[in-house]
Amino acid sequence: MIDNFALGLSHGLMLLAAILLLRRRDLDREPSRRDRKQRDAEGA
């Protein structure tokens, strides 16, 4: 019984993490050259 609970809990948490990662808006966005230049200028 506890083994099934542990398996279900761990897989449920991995599923939750995958869903949250896939919902990120910046997942499919490639930074433009302008964005990279601004980021580099701010970091320097």
N, C-alpha and C. Protein backbone atom coordinates (compact mmCIF):
# COMPACT_ATOMS: atom_id res chain seq x y z
N MET A 1 0.83 -1.20 0.00
CA MET A 1 0.00 0.00 0.00
C MET A 1 0.87 1.26 0.00
N ILE A 2 1.85 1.30 0.88
CA ILE A 2 2.70 2.48 0.95
C ILE A 2 3.53 2.64 -0.31
N ASP A 3 3.88 1.52 -0.94
CA ASP A 3 4.64 1.60 -2.19
C ASP A 3 3.83 2.28 -3.28
N ASN A 4 2.56 1.94 -3.37
CA ASN A 4 1.69 2.57 -4.37
C ASN A 4 1.53 4.06 -4.08
N PHE A 5 1.44 4.40 -2.81
CA PHE A 5 1.33 5.81 -2.44
C PHE A 5 2.59 6.57 -2.82
N ALA A 6 3.75 6.01 -2.54
CA ALA A 6 5.02 6.66 -2.86
C ALA A 6 5.17 6.82 -4.37
N LEU A 7 4.82 5.80 -5.12
CA LEU A 7 4.90 5.89 -6.58
C LEU A 7 3.94 6.95 -7.12
N GLY A 8 2.72 6.94 -6.61
CA GLY A 8 1.73 7.91 -7.06
C GLY A 8 2.14 9.34 -6.72
N LEU A 9 2.65 9.54 -5.51
CA LEU A 9 3.07 10.86 -5.09
C LEU A 9 4.24 11.37 -5.93
N SER A 10 5.25 10.54 -6.12
CA SER A 10 6.42 10.99 -6.88
C SER A 10 6.06 11.27 -8.34
N HIS A 11 5.25 10.41 -8.94
CA HIS A 11 4.85 10.63 -10.33
C HIS A 11 3.92 11.84 -10.45
N GLY A 12 3.08 12.04 -9.48
CA GLY A 12 2.21 13.20 -9.48
C GLY A 12 2.99 14.50 -9.41
N LEU A 13 4.03 14.52 -8.57
CA LEU A 13 4.87 15.72 -8.46
C LEU A 13 5.66 15.96 -9.74
N MET A 14 6.13 14.89 -10.37
CA MET A 14 6.84 15.06 -11.65
C MET A 14 5.89 15.57 -12.73
N LEU A 15 4.67 15.10 -12.74
CA LEU A 15 3.67 15.58 -13.70
C LEU A 15 3.36 17.05 -13.46
N LEU A 16 3.22 17.43 -12.20
CA LEU A 16 2.98 18.84 -11.87
C LEU A 16 4.14 19.71 -12.34
N ALA A 17 5.36 19.27 -12.11
CA ALA A 17 6.54 20.03 -12.54
C ALA A 17 6.57 20.17 -14.06
N ALA A 18 6.25 19.09 -14.78
CA ALA A 18 6.24 19.14 -16.25
C ALA A 18 5.17 20.10 -16.76
N ILE A 19 4.01 20.08 -16.15
CA ILE A 19 2.93 20.98 -16.58
C ILE A 19 3.32 22.43 -16.34
N LEU A 20 3.90 22.71 -15.17
CA LEU A 20 4.30 24.08 -14.87
C LEU A 20 5.40 24.55 -15.80
N LEU A 21 6.33 23.68 -16.15
CA LEU A 21 7.39 24.05 -17.08
C LEU A 21 6.85 24.31 -18.48
N LEU A 22 5.91 23.49 -18.92
CA LEU A 22 5.35 23.64 -20.26
C LEU A 22 4.46 24.87 -20.38
N ARG A 23 3.94 25.38 -19.27
CA ARG A 23 3.08 26.56 -19.31
C ARG A 23 3.86 27.86 -19.33
N ARG A 24 5.17 27.81 -19.18
CA ARG A 24 5.98 29.03 -19.16
C ARG A 24 5.88 29.75 -20.50
N ARG A 25 5.70 31.05 -20.46
CA ARG A 25 5.56 31.85 -21.67
C ARG A 25 6.88 31.95 -22.43
N ASP A 26 8.00 31.96 -21.73
CA ASP A 26 9.28 32.13 -22.41
C ASP A 26 9.87 30.82 -22.90
N LEU A 27 9.11 29.74 -22.86
CA LEU A 27 9.63 28.44 -23.26
C LEU A 27 9.96 28.40 -24.76
N ASP A 28 9.09 28.95 -25.58
CA ASP A 28 9.29 28.90 -27.03
C ASP A 28 9.79 30.22 -27.61
N ARG A 29 10.22 31.12 -26.79
CA ARG A 29 10.63 32.44 -27.27
C ARG A 29 12.14 32.51 -27.36
N GLU A 30 12.63 32.78 -28.54
CA GLU A 30 14.06 32.98 -28.75
C GLU A 30 14.37 34.46 -28.51
N PRO A 31 15.38 34.77 -27.72
CA PRO A 31 15.71 36.19 -27.52
C PRO A 31 16.27 36.79 -28.80
N SER A 32 15.83 37.99 -29.11
CA SER A 32 16.33 38.67 -30.31
C SER A 32 17.72 39.23 -30.03
N ARG A 33 18.38 39.71 -31.06
CA ARG A 33 19.71 40.31 -30.88
C ARG A 33 19.63 41.52 -29.96
N ARG A 34 18.54 42.30 -30.12
CA ARG A 34 18.36 43.49 -29.29
C ARG A 34 18.24 43.09 -27.81
N ASP A 35 17.48 42.03 -27.54
CA ASP A 35 17.32 41.57 -26.16
C ASP A 35 18.66 41.12 -25.58
N ARG A 36 19.45 40.43 -26.38
CA ARG A 36 20.76 39.96 -25.90
C ARG A 36 21.70 41.13 -25.65
N LYS A 37 21.66 42.13 -26.53
CA LYS A 37 22.53 43.30 -26.34
C LYS A 37 22.14 44.05 -25.08
N GLN A 38 20.84 44.20 -24.83
CA GLN A 38 20.39 44.89 -23.63
C GLN A 38 20.80 44.12 -22.38
N ARG A 39 20.67 42.82 -22.42
CA ARG A 39 21.03 41.99 -21.27
C ARG A 39 22.53 42.08 -21.02
N ASP A 40 23.33 42.04 -22.09
CA ASP A 40 24.78 42.13 -21.94
C ASP A 40 25.19 43.50 -21.42
N ALA A 41 24.53 44.57 -21.88
CA ALA A 41 24.85 45.92 -21.43
C ALA A 41 24.51 46.10 -19.95
N GLU A 42 23.42 45.49 -19.51
CA GLU A 42 23.03 45.61 -18.11
C GLU A 42 23.97 44.82 -17.20
N GLY A 43 24.48 43.70 -17.69
CA GLY A 43 25.35 42.86 -16.89
C GLY A 43 26.77 43.39 -16.79
N ALA A 44 27.18 44.20 -17.75
CA ALA A 44 28.58 44.69 -17.77
C ALA A 44 28.78 45.90 -16.91
